């Protein structure tokens, strides 16, 4: 009976360690992603000329590495936000853009 309890405790410890490691890796990846232009409202992509939002969304990748499917655009506090969803993990991905004022 003692060996069964010990095996159960070891299995629980391994499972917990894996969950904590996965959580930590995801938080680290999200922090790195926030530093990448476009993935945070504090660091938007500056659109120049005739570049389209869809072109950036096609090149965007999710934290898991999957492609992002373009769902549409919206505006938030002076930004254009492209909504997308990862094809692999179904996570929502928002890309922030800012348009510089056109000078005449």
N, C-alpha and C. Protein backbone atom coordinates (compact mmCIF):
# COMPACT_ATOMS: atom_id res chain seq x y z
N UNK A 1 0.82 -1.19 0.00
CA UNK A 1 0.00 0.00 0.00
C UNK A 1 0.87 1.27 0.00
N UNK A 2 2.00 1.21 0.73
CA UNK A 2 2.88 2.37 0.79
C UNK A 2 3.51 2.67 -0.57
N UNK A 3 3.84 1.63 -1.32
CA UNK A 3 4.43 1.84 -2.65
C UNK A 3 3.42 2.45 -3.61
N UNK A 4 2.17 2.07 -3.48
CA UNK A 4 1.12 2.62 -4.33
C UNK A 4 0.93 4.10 -4.03
N UNK A 5 0.94 4.46 -2.76
CA UNK A 5 0.81 5.86 -2.38
C UNK A 5 2.03 6.67 -2.85
N UNK A 6 3.21 6.11 -2.72
CA UNK A 6 4.42 6.77 -3.19
C UNK A 6 4.38 6.98 -4.70
N UNK A 7 3.95 5.97 -5.44
CA UNK A 7 3.85 6.08 -6.91
C UNK A 7 2.83 7.15 -7.29
N UNK A 8 1.73 7.23 -6.55
CA UNK A 8 0.71 8.24 -6.81
C UNK A 8 1.26 9.64 -6.54
N UNK A 9 2.00 9.82 -5.46
CA UNK A 9 2.59 11.12 -5.15
C UNK A 9 3.64 11.53 -6.18
N UNK A 10 4.45 10.59 -6.63
CA UNK A 10 5.44 10.90 -7.67
C UNK A 10 4.75 11.30 -8.96
N UNK A 11 3.71 10.58 -9.33
CA UNK A 11 2.98 10.91 -10.56
C UNK A 11 2.34 12.29 -10.44
N UNK A 12 1.80 12.62 -9.28
CA UNK A 12 1.19 13.93 -9.07
C UNK A 12 2.25 15.03 -9.13
N UNK A 13 3.41 14.79 -8.57
CA UNK A 13 4.49 15.77 -8.60
C UNK A 13 4.97 16.00 -10.04
N UNK A 14 5.10 14.95 -10.82
CA UNK A 14 5.54 15.08 -12.22
C UNK A 14 4.49 15.84 -13.02
N UNK A 15 3.23 15.51 -12.81
CA UNK A 15 2.14 16.19 -13.53
C UNK A 15 2.12 17.67 -13.20
N UNK A 16 2.27 18.01 -11.91
CA UNK A 16 2.29 19.40 -11.48
C UNK A 16 3.48 20.14 -12.06
N UNK A 17 4.64 19.51 -12.07
CA UNK A 17 5.83 20.15 -12.63
C UNK A 17 5.65 20.43 -14.12
N UNK A 18 5.04 19.53 -14.84
CA UNK A 18 4.79 19.75 -16.27
C UNK A 18 3.82 20.90 -16.50
N UNK A 19 2.78 20.98 -15.70
CA UNK A 19 1.80 22.07 -15.83
C UNK A 19 2.43 23.42 -15.52
N UNK A 20 3.24 23.48 -14.46
CA UNK A 20 3.91 24.73 -14.10
C UNK A 20 4.88 25.14 -15.19
N UNK A 21 5.62 24.19 -15.75
CA UNK A 21 6.57 24.50 -16.82
C UNK A 21 5.84 24.99 -18.06
N UNK A 22 4.72 24.37 -18.42
CA UNK A 22 3.95 24.80 -19.59
C UNK A 22 3.39 26.21 -19.37
N UNK A 23 2.92 26.49 -18.16
CA UNK A 23 2.39 27.82 -17.84
C UNK A 23 3.50 28.85 -17.96
N UNK A 24 4.68 28.54 -17.41
CA UNK A 24 5.79 29.48 -17.44
C UNK A 24 6.26 29.73 -18.88
N UNK A 25 6.35 28.69 -19.69
CA UNK A 25 6.77 28.86 -21.08
C UNK A 25 5.76 29.70 -21.87
N UNK A 26 4.48 29.50 -21.61
CA UNK A 26 3.46 30.28 -22.31
C UNK A 26 3.53 31.75 -21.90
N UNK A 27 3.72 32.02 -20.62
CA UNK A 27 3.84 33.41 -20.16
C UNK A 27 5.07 34.08 -20.77
N UNK A 28 6.16 33.35 -20.87
CA UNK A 28 7.39 33.87 -21.46
C UNK A 28 7.19 34.17 -22.94
N UNK A 29 6.51 33.26 -23.64
CA UNK A 29 6.25 33.47 -25.06
C UNK A 29 5.32 34.66 -25.27
N UNK A 30 4.32 34.83 -24.41
CA UNK A 30 3.41 35.97 -24.54
C UNK A 30 4.13 37.28 -24.25
N UNK A 31 5.05 37.28 -23.30
CA UNK A 31 5.82 38.49 -23.01
C UNK A 31 6.73 38.85 -24.18
N UNK A 32 7.36 37.86 -24.79
CA UNK A 32 8.19 38.12 -25.96
C UNK A 32 7.33 38.60 -27.12
N UNK A 33 6.16 38.03 -27.26
CA UNK A 33 5.25 38.41 -28.34
C UNK A 33 4.79 39.85 -28.18
N UNK A 34 4.57 40.29 -26.93
CA UNK A 34 4.13 41.67 -26.70
C UNK A 34 5.20 42.67 -27.10
N UNK A 35 6.46 42.27 -27.09
CA UNK A 35 7.54 43.17 -27.50
C UNK A 35 7.66 43.25 -29.02
N UNK A 36 7.04 42.33 -29.74
CA UNK A 36 7.08 42.33 -31.20
C UNK A 36 6.08 43.37 -31.72
N UNK A 37 6.46 44.20 -32.69
CA UNK A 37 5.54 45.22 -33.21
C UNK A 37 4.25 44.60 -33.73
N UNK A 38 3.13 45.20 -33.29
CA UNK A 38 1.82 44.78 -33.76
C UNK A 38 1.05 43.90 -32.80
N UNK A 39 1.74 43.19 -31.94
CA UNK A 39 1.05 42.26 -31.06
C UNK A 39 0.59 42.89 -29.76
N UNK A 40 0.86 44.18 -29.59
CA UNK A 40 0.46 44.91 -28.40
C UNK A 40 -0.02 46.29 -28.80
N UNK A 41 -1.07 46.82 -28.17
CA UNK A 41 -1.50 48.19 -28.49
C UNK A 41 -0.44 49.23 -28.15
N UNK A 42 0.47 48.91 -27.24
CA UNK A 42 1.53 49.84 -26.89
C UNK A 42 2.64 49.87 -27.93
N UNK A 43 2.68 48.90 -28.82
CA UNK A 43 3.73 48.79 -29.84
C UNK A 43 3.09 48.43 -31.19
N UNK A 44 2.31 49.35 -31.79
CA UNK A 44 1.62 49.02 -33.03
C UNK A 44 2.54 49.06 -34.24
N UNK A 45 2.09 48.44 -35.31
CA UNK A 45 2.78 48.50 -36.60
C UNK A 45 2.35 49.78 -37.29
N UNK A 46 3.30 50.54 -37.80
CA UNK A 46 3.00 51.77 -38.53
C UNK A 46 2.86 51.42 -40.00
N UNK A 47 1.66 51.61 -40.52
CA UNK A 47 1.41 51.32 -41.94
C UNK A 47 1.91 52.49 -42.79
N UNK A 48 2.61 52.16 -43.85
CA UNK A 48 3.14 53.18 -44.75
C UNK A 48 2.61 52.92 -46.15
N UNK A 49 2.20 53.98 -46.80
CA UNK A 49 1.79 53.88 -48.19
C UNK A 49 0.62 52.94 -48.41
N UNK A 50 0.76 52.08 -49.41
CA UNK A 50 -0.33 51.20 -49.80
C UNK A 50 -0.31 49.83 -49.14
N UNK A 51 0.47 49.68 -48.07
CA UNK A 51 0.50 48.38 -47.41
C UNK A 51 -0.85 48.10 -46.76
N UNK A 52 -1.29 46.88 -46.87
CA UNK A 52 -2.59 46.52 -46.36
C UNK A 52 -2.46 45.71 -45.08
N UNK A 53 -3.46 45.81 -44.26
CA UNK A 53 -3.49 45.09 -43.00
C UNK A 53 -3.49 43.58 -43.26
N UNK A 54 -4.19 43.15 -44.29
CA UNK A 54 -4.30 41.72 -44.57
C UNK A 54 -2.93 41.09 -44.87
N UNK A 55 -2.04 41.89 -45.48
CA UNK A 55 -0.70 41.38 -45.78
C UNK A 55 0.06 41.05 -44.50
N UNK A 56 -0.08 41.88 -43.48
CA UNK A 56 0.58 41.62 -42.21
C UNK A 56 -0.05 40.44 -41.49
N UNK A 57 -1.36 40.33 -41.57
CA UNK A 57 -2.05 39.23 -40.88
C UNK A 57 -1.67 37.89 -41.51
N UNK A 58 -1.50 37.85 -42.82
CA UNK A 58 -1.10 36.60 -43.49
C UNK A 58 0.28 36.14 -43.03
N UNK A 59 1.15 37.09 -42.69
CA UNK A 59 2.50 36.75 -42.24
C UNK A 59 2.57 36.49 -40.74
N UNK A 60 1.54 36.86 -40.01
CA UNK A 60 1.55 36.73 -38.55
C UNK A 60 1.48 35.27 -38.13
N UNK A 61 2.06 35.00 -36.99
CA UNK A 61 2.05 33.66 -36.40
C UNK A 61 1.54 33.74 -34.96
N UNK A 62 0.90 32.71 -34.55
CA UNK A 62 0.41 32.59 -33.18
C UNK A 62 1.57 32.21 -32.27
N UNK A 63 1.34 32.23 -30.98
CA UNK A 63 2.37 31.81 -30.02
C UNK A 63 2.74 30.35 -30.25
N UNK A 64 1.78 29.53 -30.67
CA UNK A 64 2.05 28.12 -30.92
C UNK A 64 2.77 27.88 -32.24
N UNK A 65 2.86 28.92 -33.08
CA UNK A 65 3.53 28.80 -34.37
C UNK A 65 2.58 28.62 -35.55
N UNK A 66 1.29 28.53 -35.28
CA UNK A 66 0.31 28.33 -36.34
C UNK A 66 0.00 29.61 -37.10
N UNK A 67 -0.55 29.47 -38.30
CA UNK A 67 -0.93 30.62 -39.12
C UNK A 67 -2.18 31.27 -38.52
N UNK A 68 -2.30 32.57 -38.77
CA UNK A 68 -3.43 33.34 -38.27
C UNK A 68 -4.40 33.58 -39.42
N UNK A 69 -5.65 33.24 -39.20
CA UNK A 69 -6.70 33.47 -40.20
C UNK A 69 -7.33 34.83 -39.93
N UNK A 70 -7.41 35.68 -40.95
CA UNK A 70 -7.97 37.03 -40.81
C UNK A 70 -9.48 36.96 -40.64
N UNK A 71 -9.99 37.62 -39.60
CA UNK A 71 -11.43 37.63 -39.35
C UNK A 71 -12.08 38.98 -39.63
N UNK A 72 -11.33 40.06 -39.48
CA UNK A 72 -11.89 41.38 -39.72
C UNK A 72 -11.09 42.45 -39.01
N UNK A 73 -11.58 43.69 -39.13
CA UNK A 73 -10.91 44.84 -38.52
C UNK A 73 -11.88 45.60 -37.64
N UNK A 74 -11.31 46.27 -36.67
CA UNK A 74 -12.07 47.17 -35.82
C UNK A 74 -11.14 48.31 -35.41
N UNK A 75 -11.67 49.32 -34.78
CA UNK A 75 -10.82 50.41 -34.32
C UNK A 75 -10.94 50.54 -32.81
N UNK A 76 -9.82 50.88 -32.18
CA UNK A 76 -9.77 51.07 -30.73
C UNK A 76 -8.81 52.22 -30.43
N UNK A 77 -9.30 53.26 -29.83
CA UNK A 77 -8.47 54.36 -29.33
C UNK A 77 -7.42 54.83 -30.33
N UNK A 78 -7.84 55.11 -31.54
CA UNK A 78 -6.93 55.63 -32.55
C UNK A 78 -6.11 54.57 -33.27
N UNK A 79 -6.36 53.32 -32.98
CA UNK A 79 -5.64 52.22 -33.63
C UNK A 79 -6.60 51.44 -34.52
N UNK A 80 -6.04 50.82 -35.53
CA UNK A 80 -6.79 49.81 -36.28
C UNK A 80 -6.34 48.46 -35.75
N UNK A 81 -7.29 47.64 -35.39
CA UNK A 81 -6.97 46.33 -34.82
C UNK A 81 -7.52 45.25 -35.75
N UNK A 82 -6.62 44.40 -36.20
CA UNK A 82 -7.01 43.27 -37.05
C UNK A 82 -7.25 42.07 -36.14
N UNK A 83 -8.43 41.50 -36.25
CA UNK A 83 -8.78 40.33 -35.46
C UNK A 83 -8.43 39.09 -36.27
N UNK A 84 -7.87 38.12 -35.61
CA UNK A 84 -7.52 36.87 -36.28
C UNK A 84 -7.65 35.70 -35.32
N UNK A 85 -7.65 34.51 -35.87
CA UNK A 85 -7.73 33.29 -35.06
C UNK A 85 -6.71 32.29 -35.60
N UNK A 86 -6.00 31.67 -34.67
CA UNK A 86 -5.00 30.68 -35.04
C UNK A 86 -5.68 29.45 -35.62
N UNK A 87 -5.15 28.97 -36.71
CA UNK A 87 -5.70 27.79 -37.37
C UNK A 87 -5.43 26.53 -36.55
N UNK A 88 -4.32 26.50 -35.83
CA UNK A 88 -3.91 25.31 -35.08
C UNK A 88 -4.60 25.20 -33.73
N UNK A 89 -4.46 26.25 -32.88
CA UNK A 89 -4.95 26.14 -31.49
C UNK A 89 -6.23 26.94 -31.24
N UNK A 90 -6.76 27.62 -32.22
CA UNK A 90 -7.99 28.40 -32.14
C UNK A 90 -7.89 29.58 -31.17
N UNK A 91 -6.68 30.06 -30.88
CA UNK A 91 -6.49 31.21 -29.99
C UNK A 91 -6.73 32.49 -30.78
N UNK A 92 -7.38 33.47 -30.16
CA UNK A 92 -7.59 34.77 -30.80
C UNK A 92 -6.29 35.56 -30.81
N UNK A 93 -6.01 36.20 -31.93
CA UNK A 93 -4.80 37.00 -32.09
C UNK A 93 -5.23 38.38 -32.59
N UNK A 94 -4.83 39.42 -31.86
CA UNK A 94 -5.10 40.79 -32.28
C UNK A 94 -3.80 41.45 -32.71
N UNK A 95 -3.83 42.12 -33.85
CA UNK A 95 -2.68 42.88 -34.34
C UNK A 95 -3.07 44.35 -34.40
N UNK A 96 -2.25 45.20 -33.79
CA UNK A 96 -2.54 46.64 -33.73
C UNK A 96 -1.76 47.39 -34.79
N UNK A 97 -2.44 48.34 -35.43
CA UNK A 97 -1.83 49.15 -36.48
C UNK A 97 -2.15 50.61 -36.24
N UNK A 98 -1.28 51.47 -36.69
CA UNK A 98 -1.53 52.91 -36.66
C UNK A 98 -1.23 53.46 -38.05
N UNK A 99 -2.06 54.37 -38.49
CA UNK A 99 -1.87 55.01 -39.79
C UNK A 99 -1.33 56.42 -39.58
N UNK A 100 -0.17 56.75 -40.13
CA UNK A 100 0.32 58.12 -39.98
C UNK A 100 -0.56 59.07 -40.78
N UNK A 101 -0.60 60.30 -40.33
CA UNK A 101 -1.42 61.28 -41.04
C UNK A 101 -0.79 61.59 -42.39
N UNK A 102 -1.63 61.70 -43.38
CA UNK A 102 -1.15 62.01 -44.72
C UNK A 102 -0.95 63.52 -44.85
N UNK A 103 0.22 63.91 -45.32
CA UNK A 103 0.51 65.32 -45.52
C UNK A 103 0.27 65.72 -46.97
N UNK A 104 -0.33 66.87 -47.17
CA UNK A 104 -0.61 67.35 -48.53
C UNK A 104 0.54 68.18 -49.02
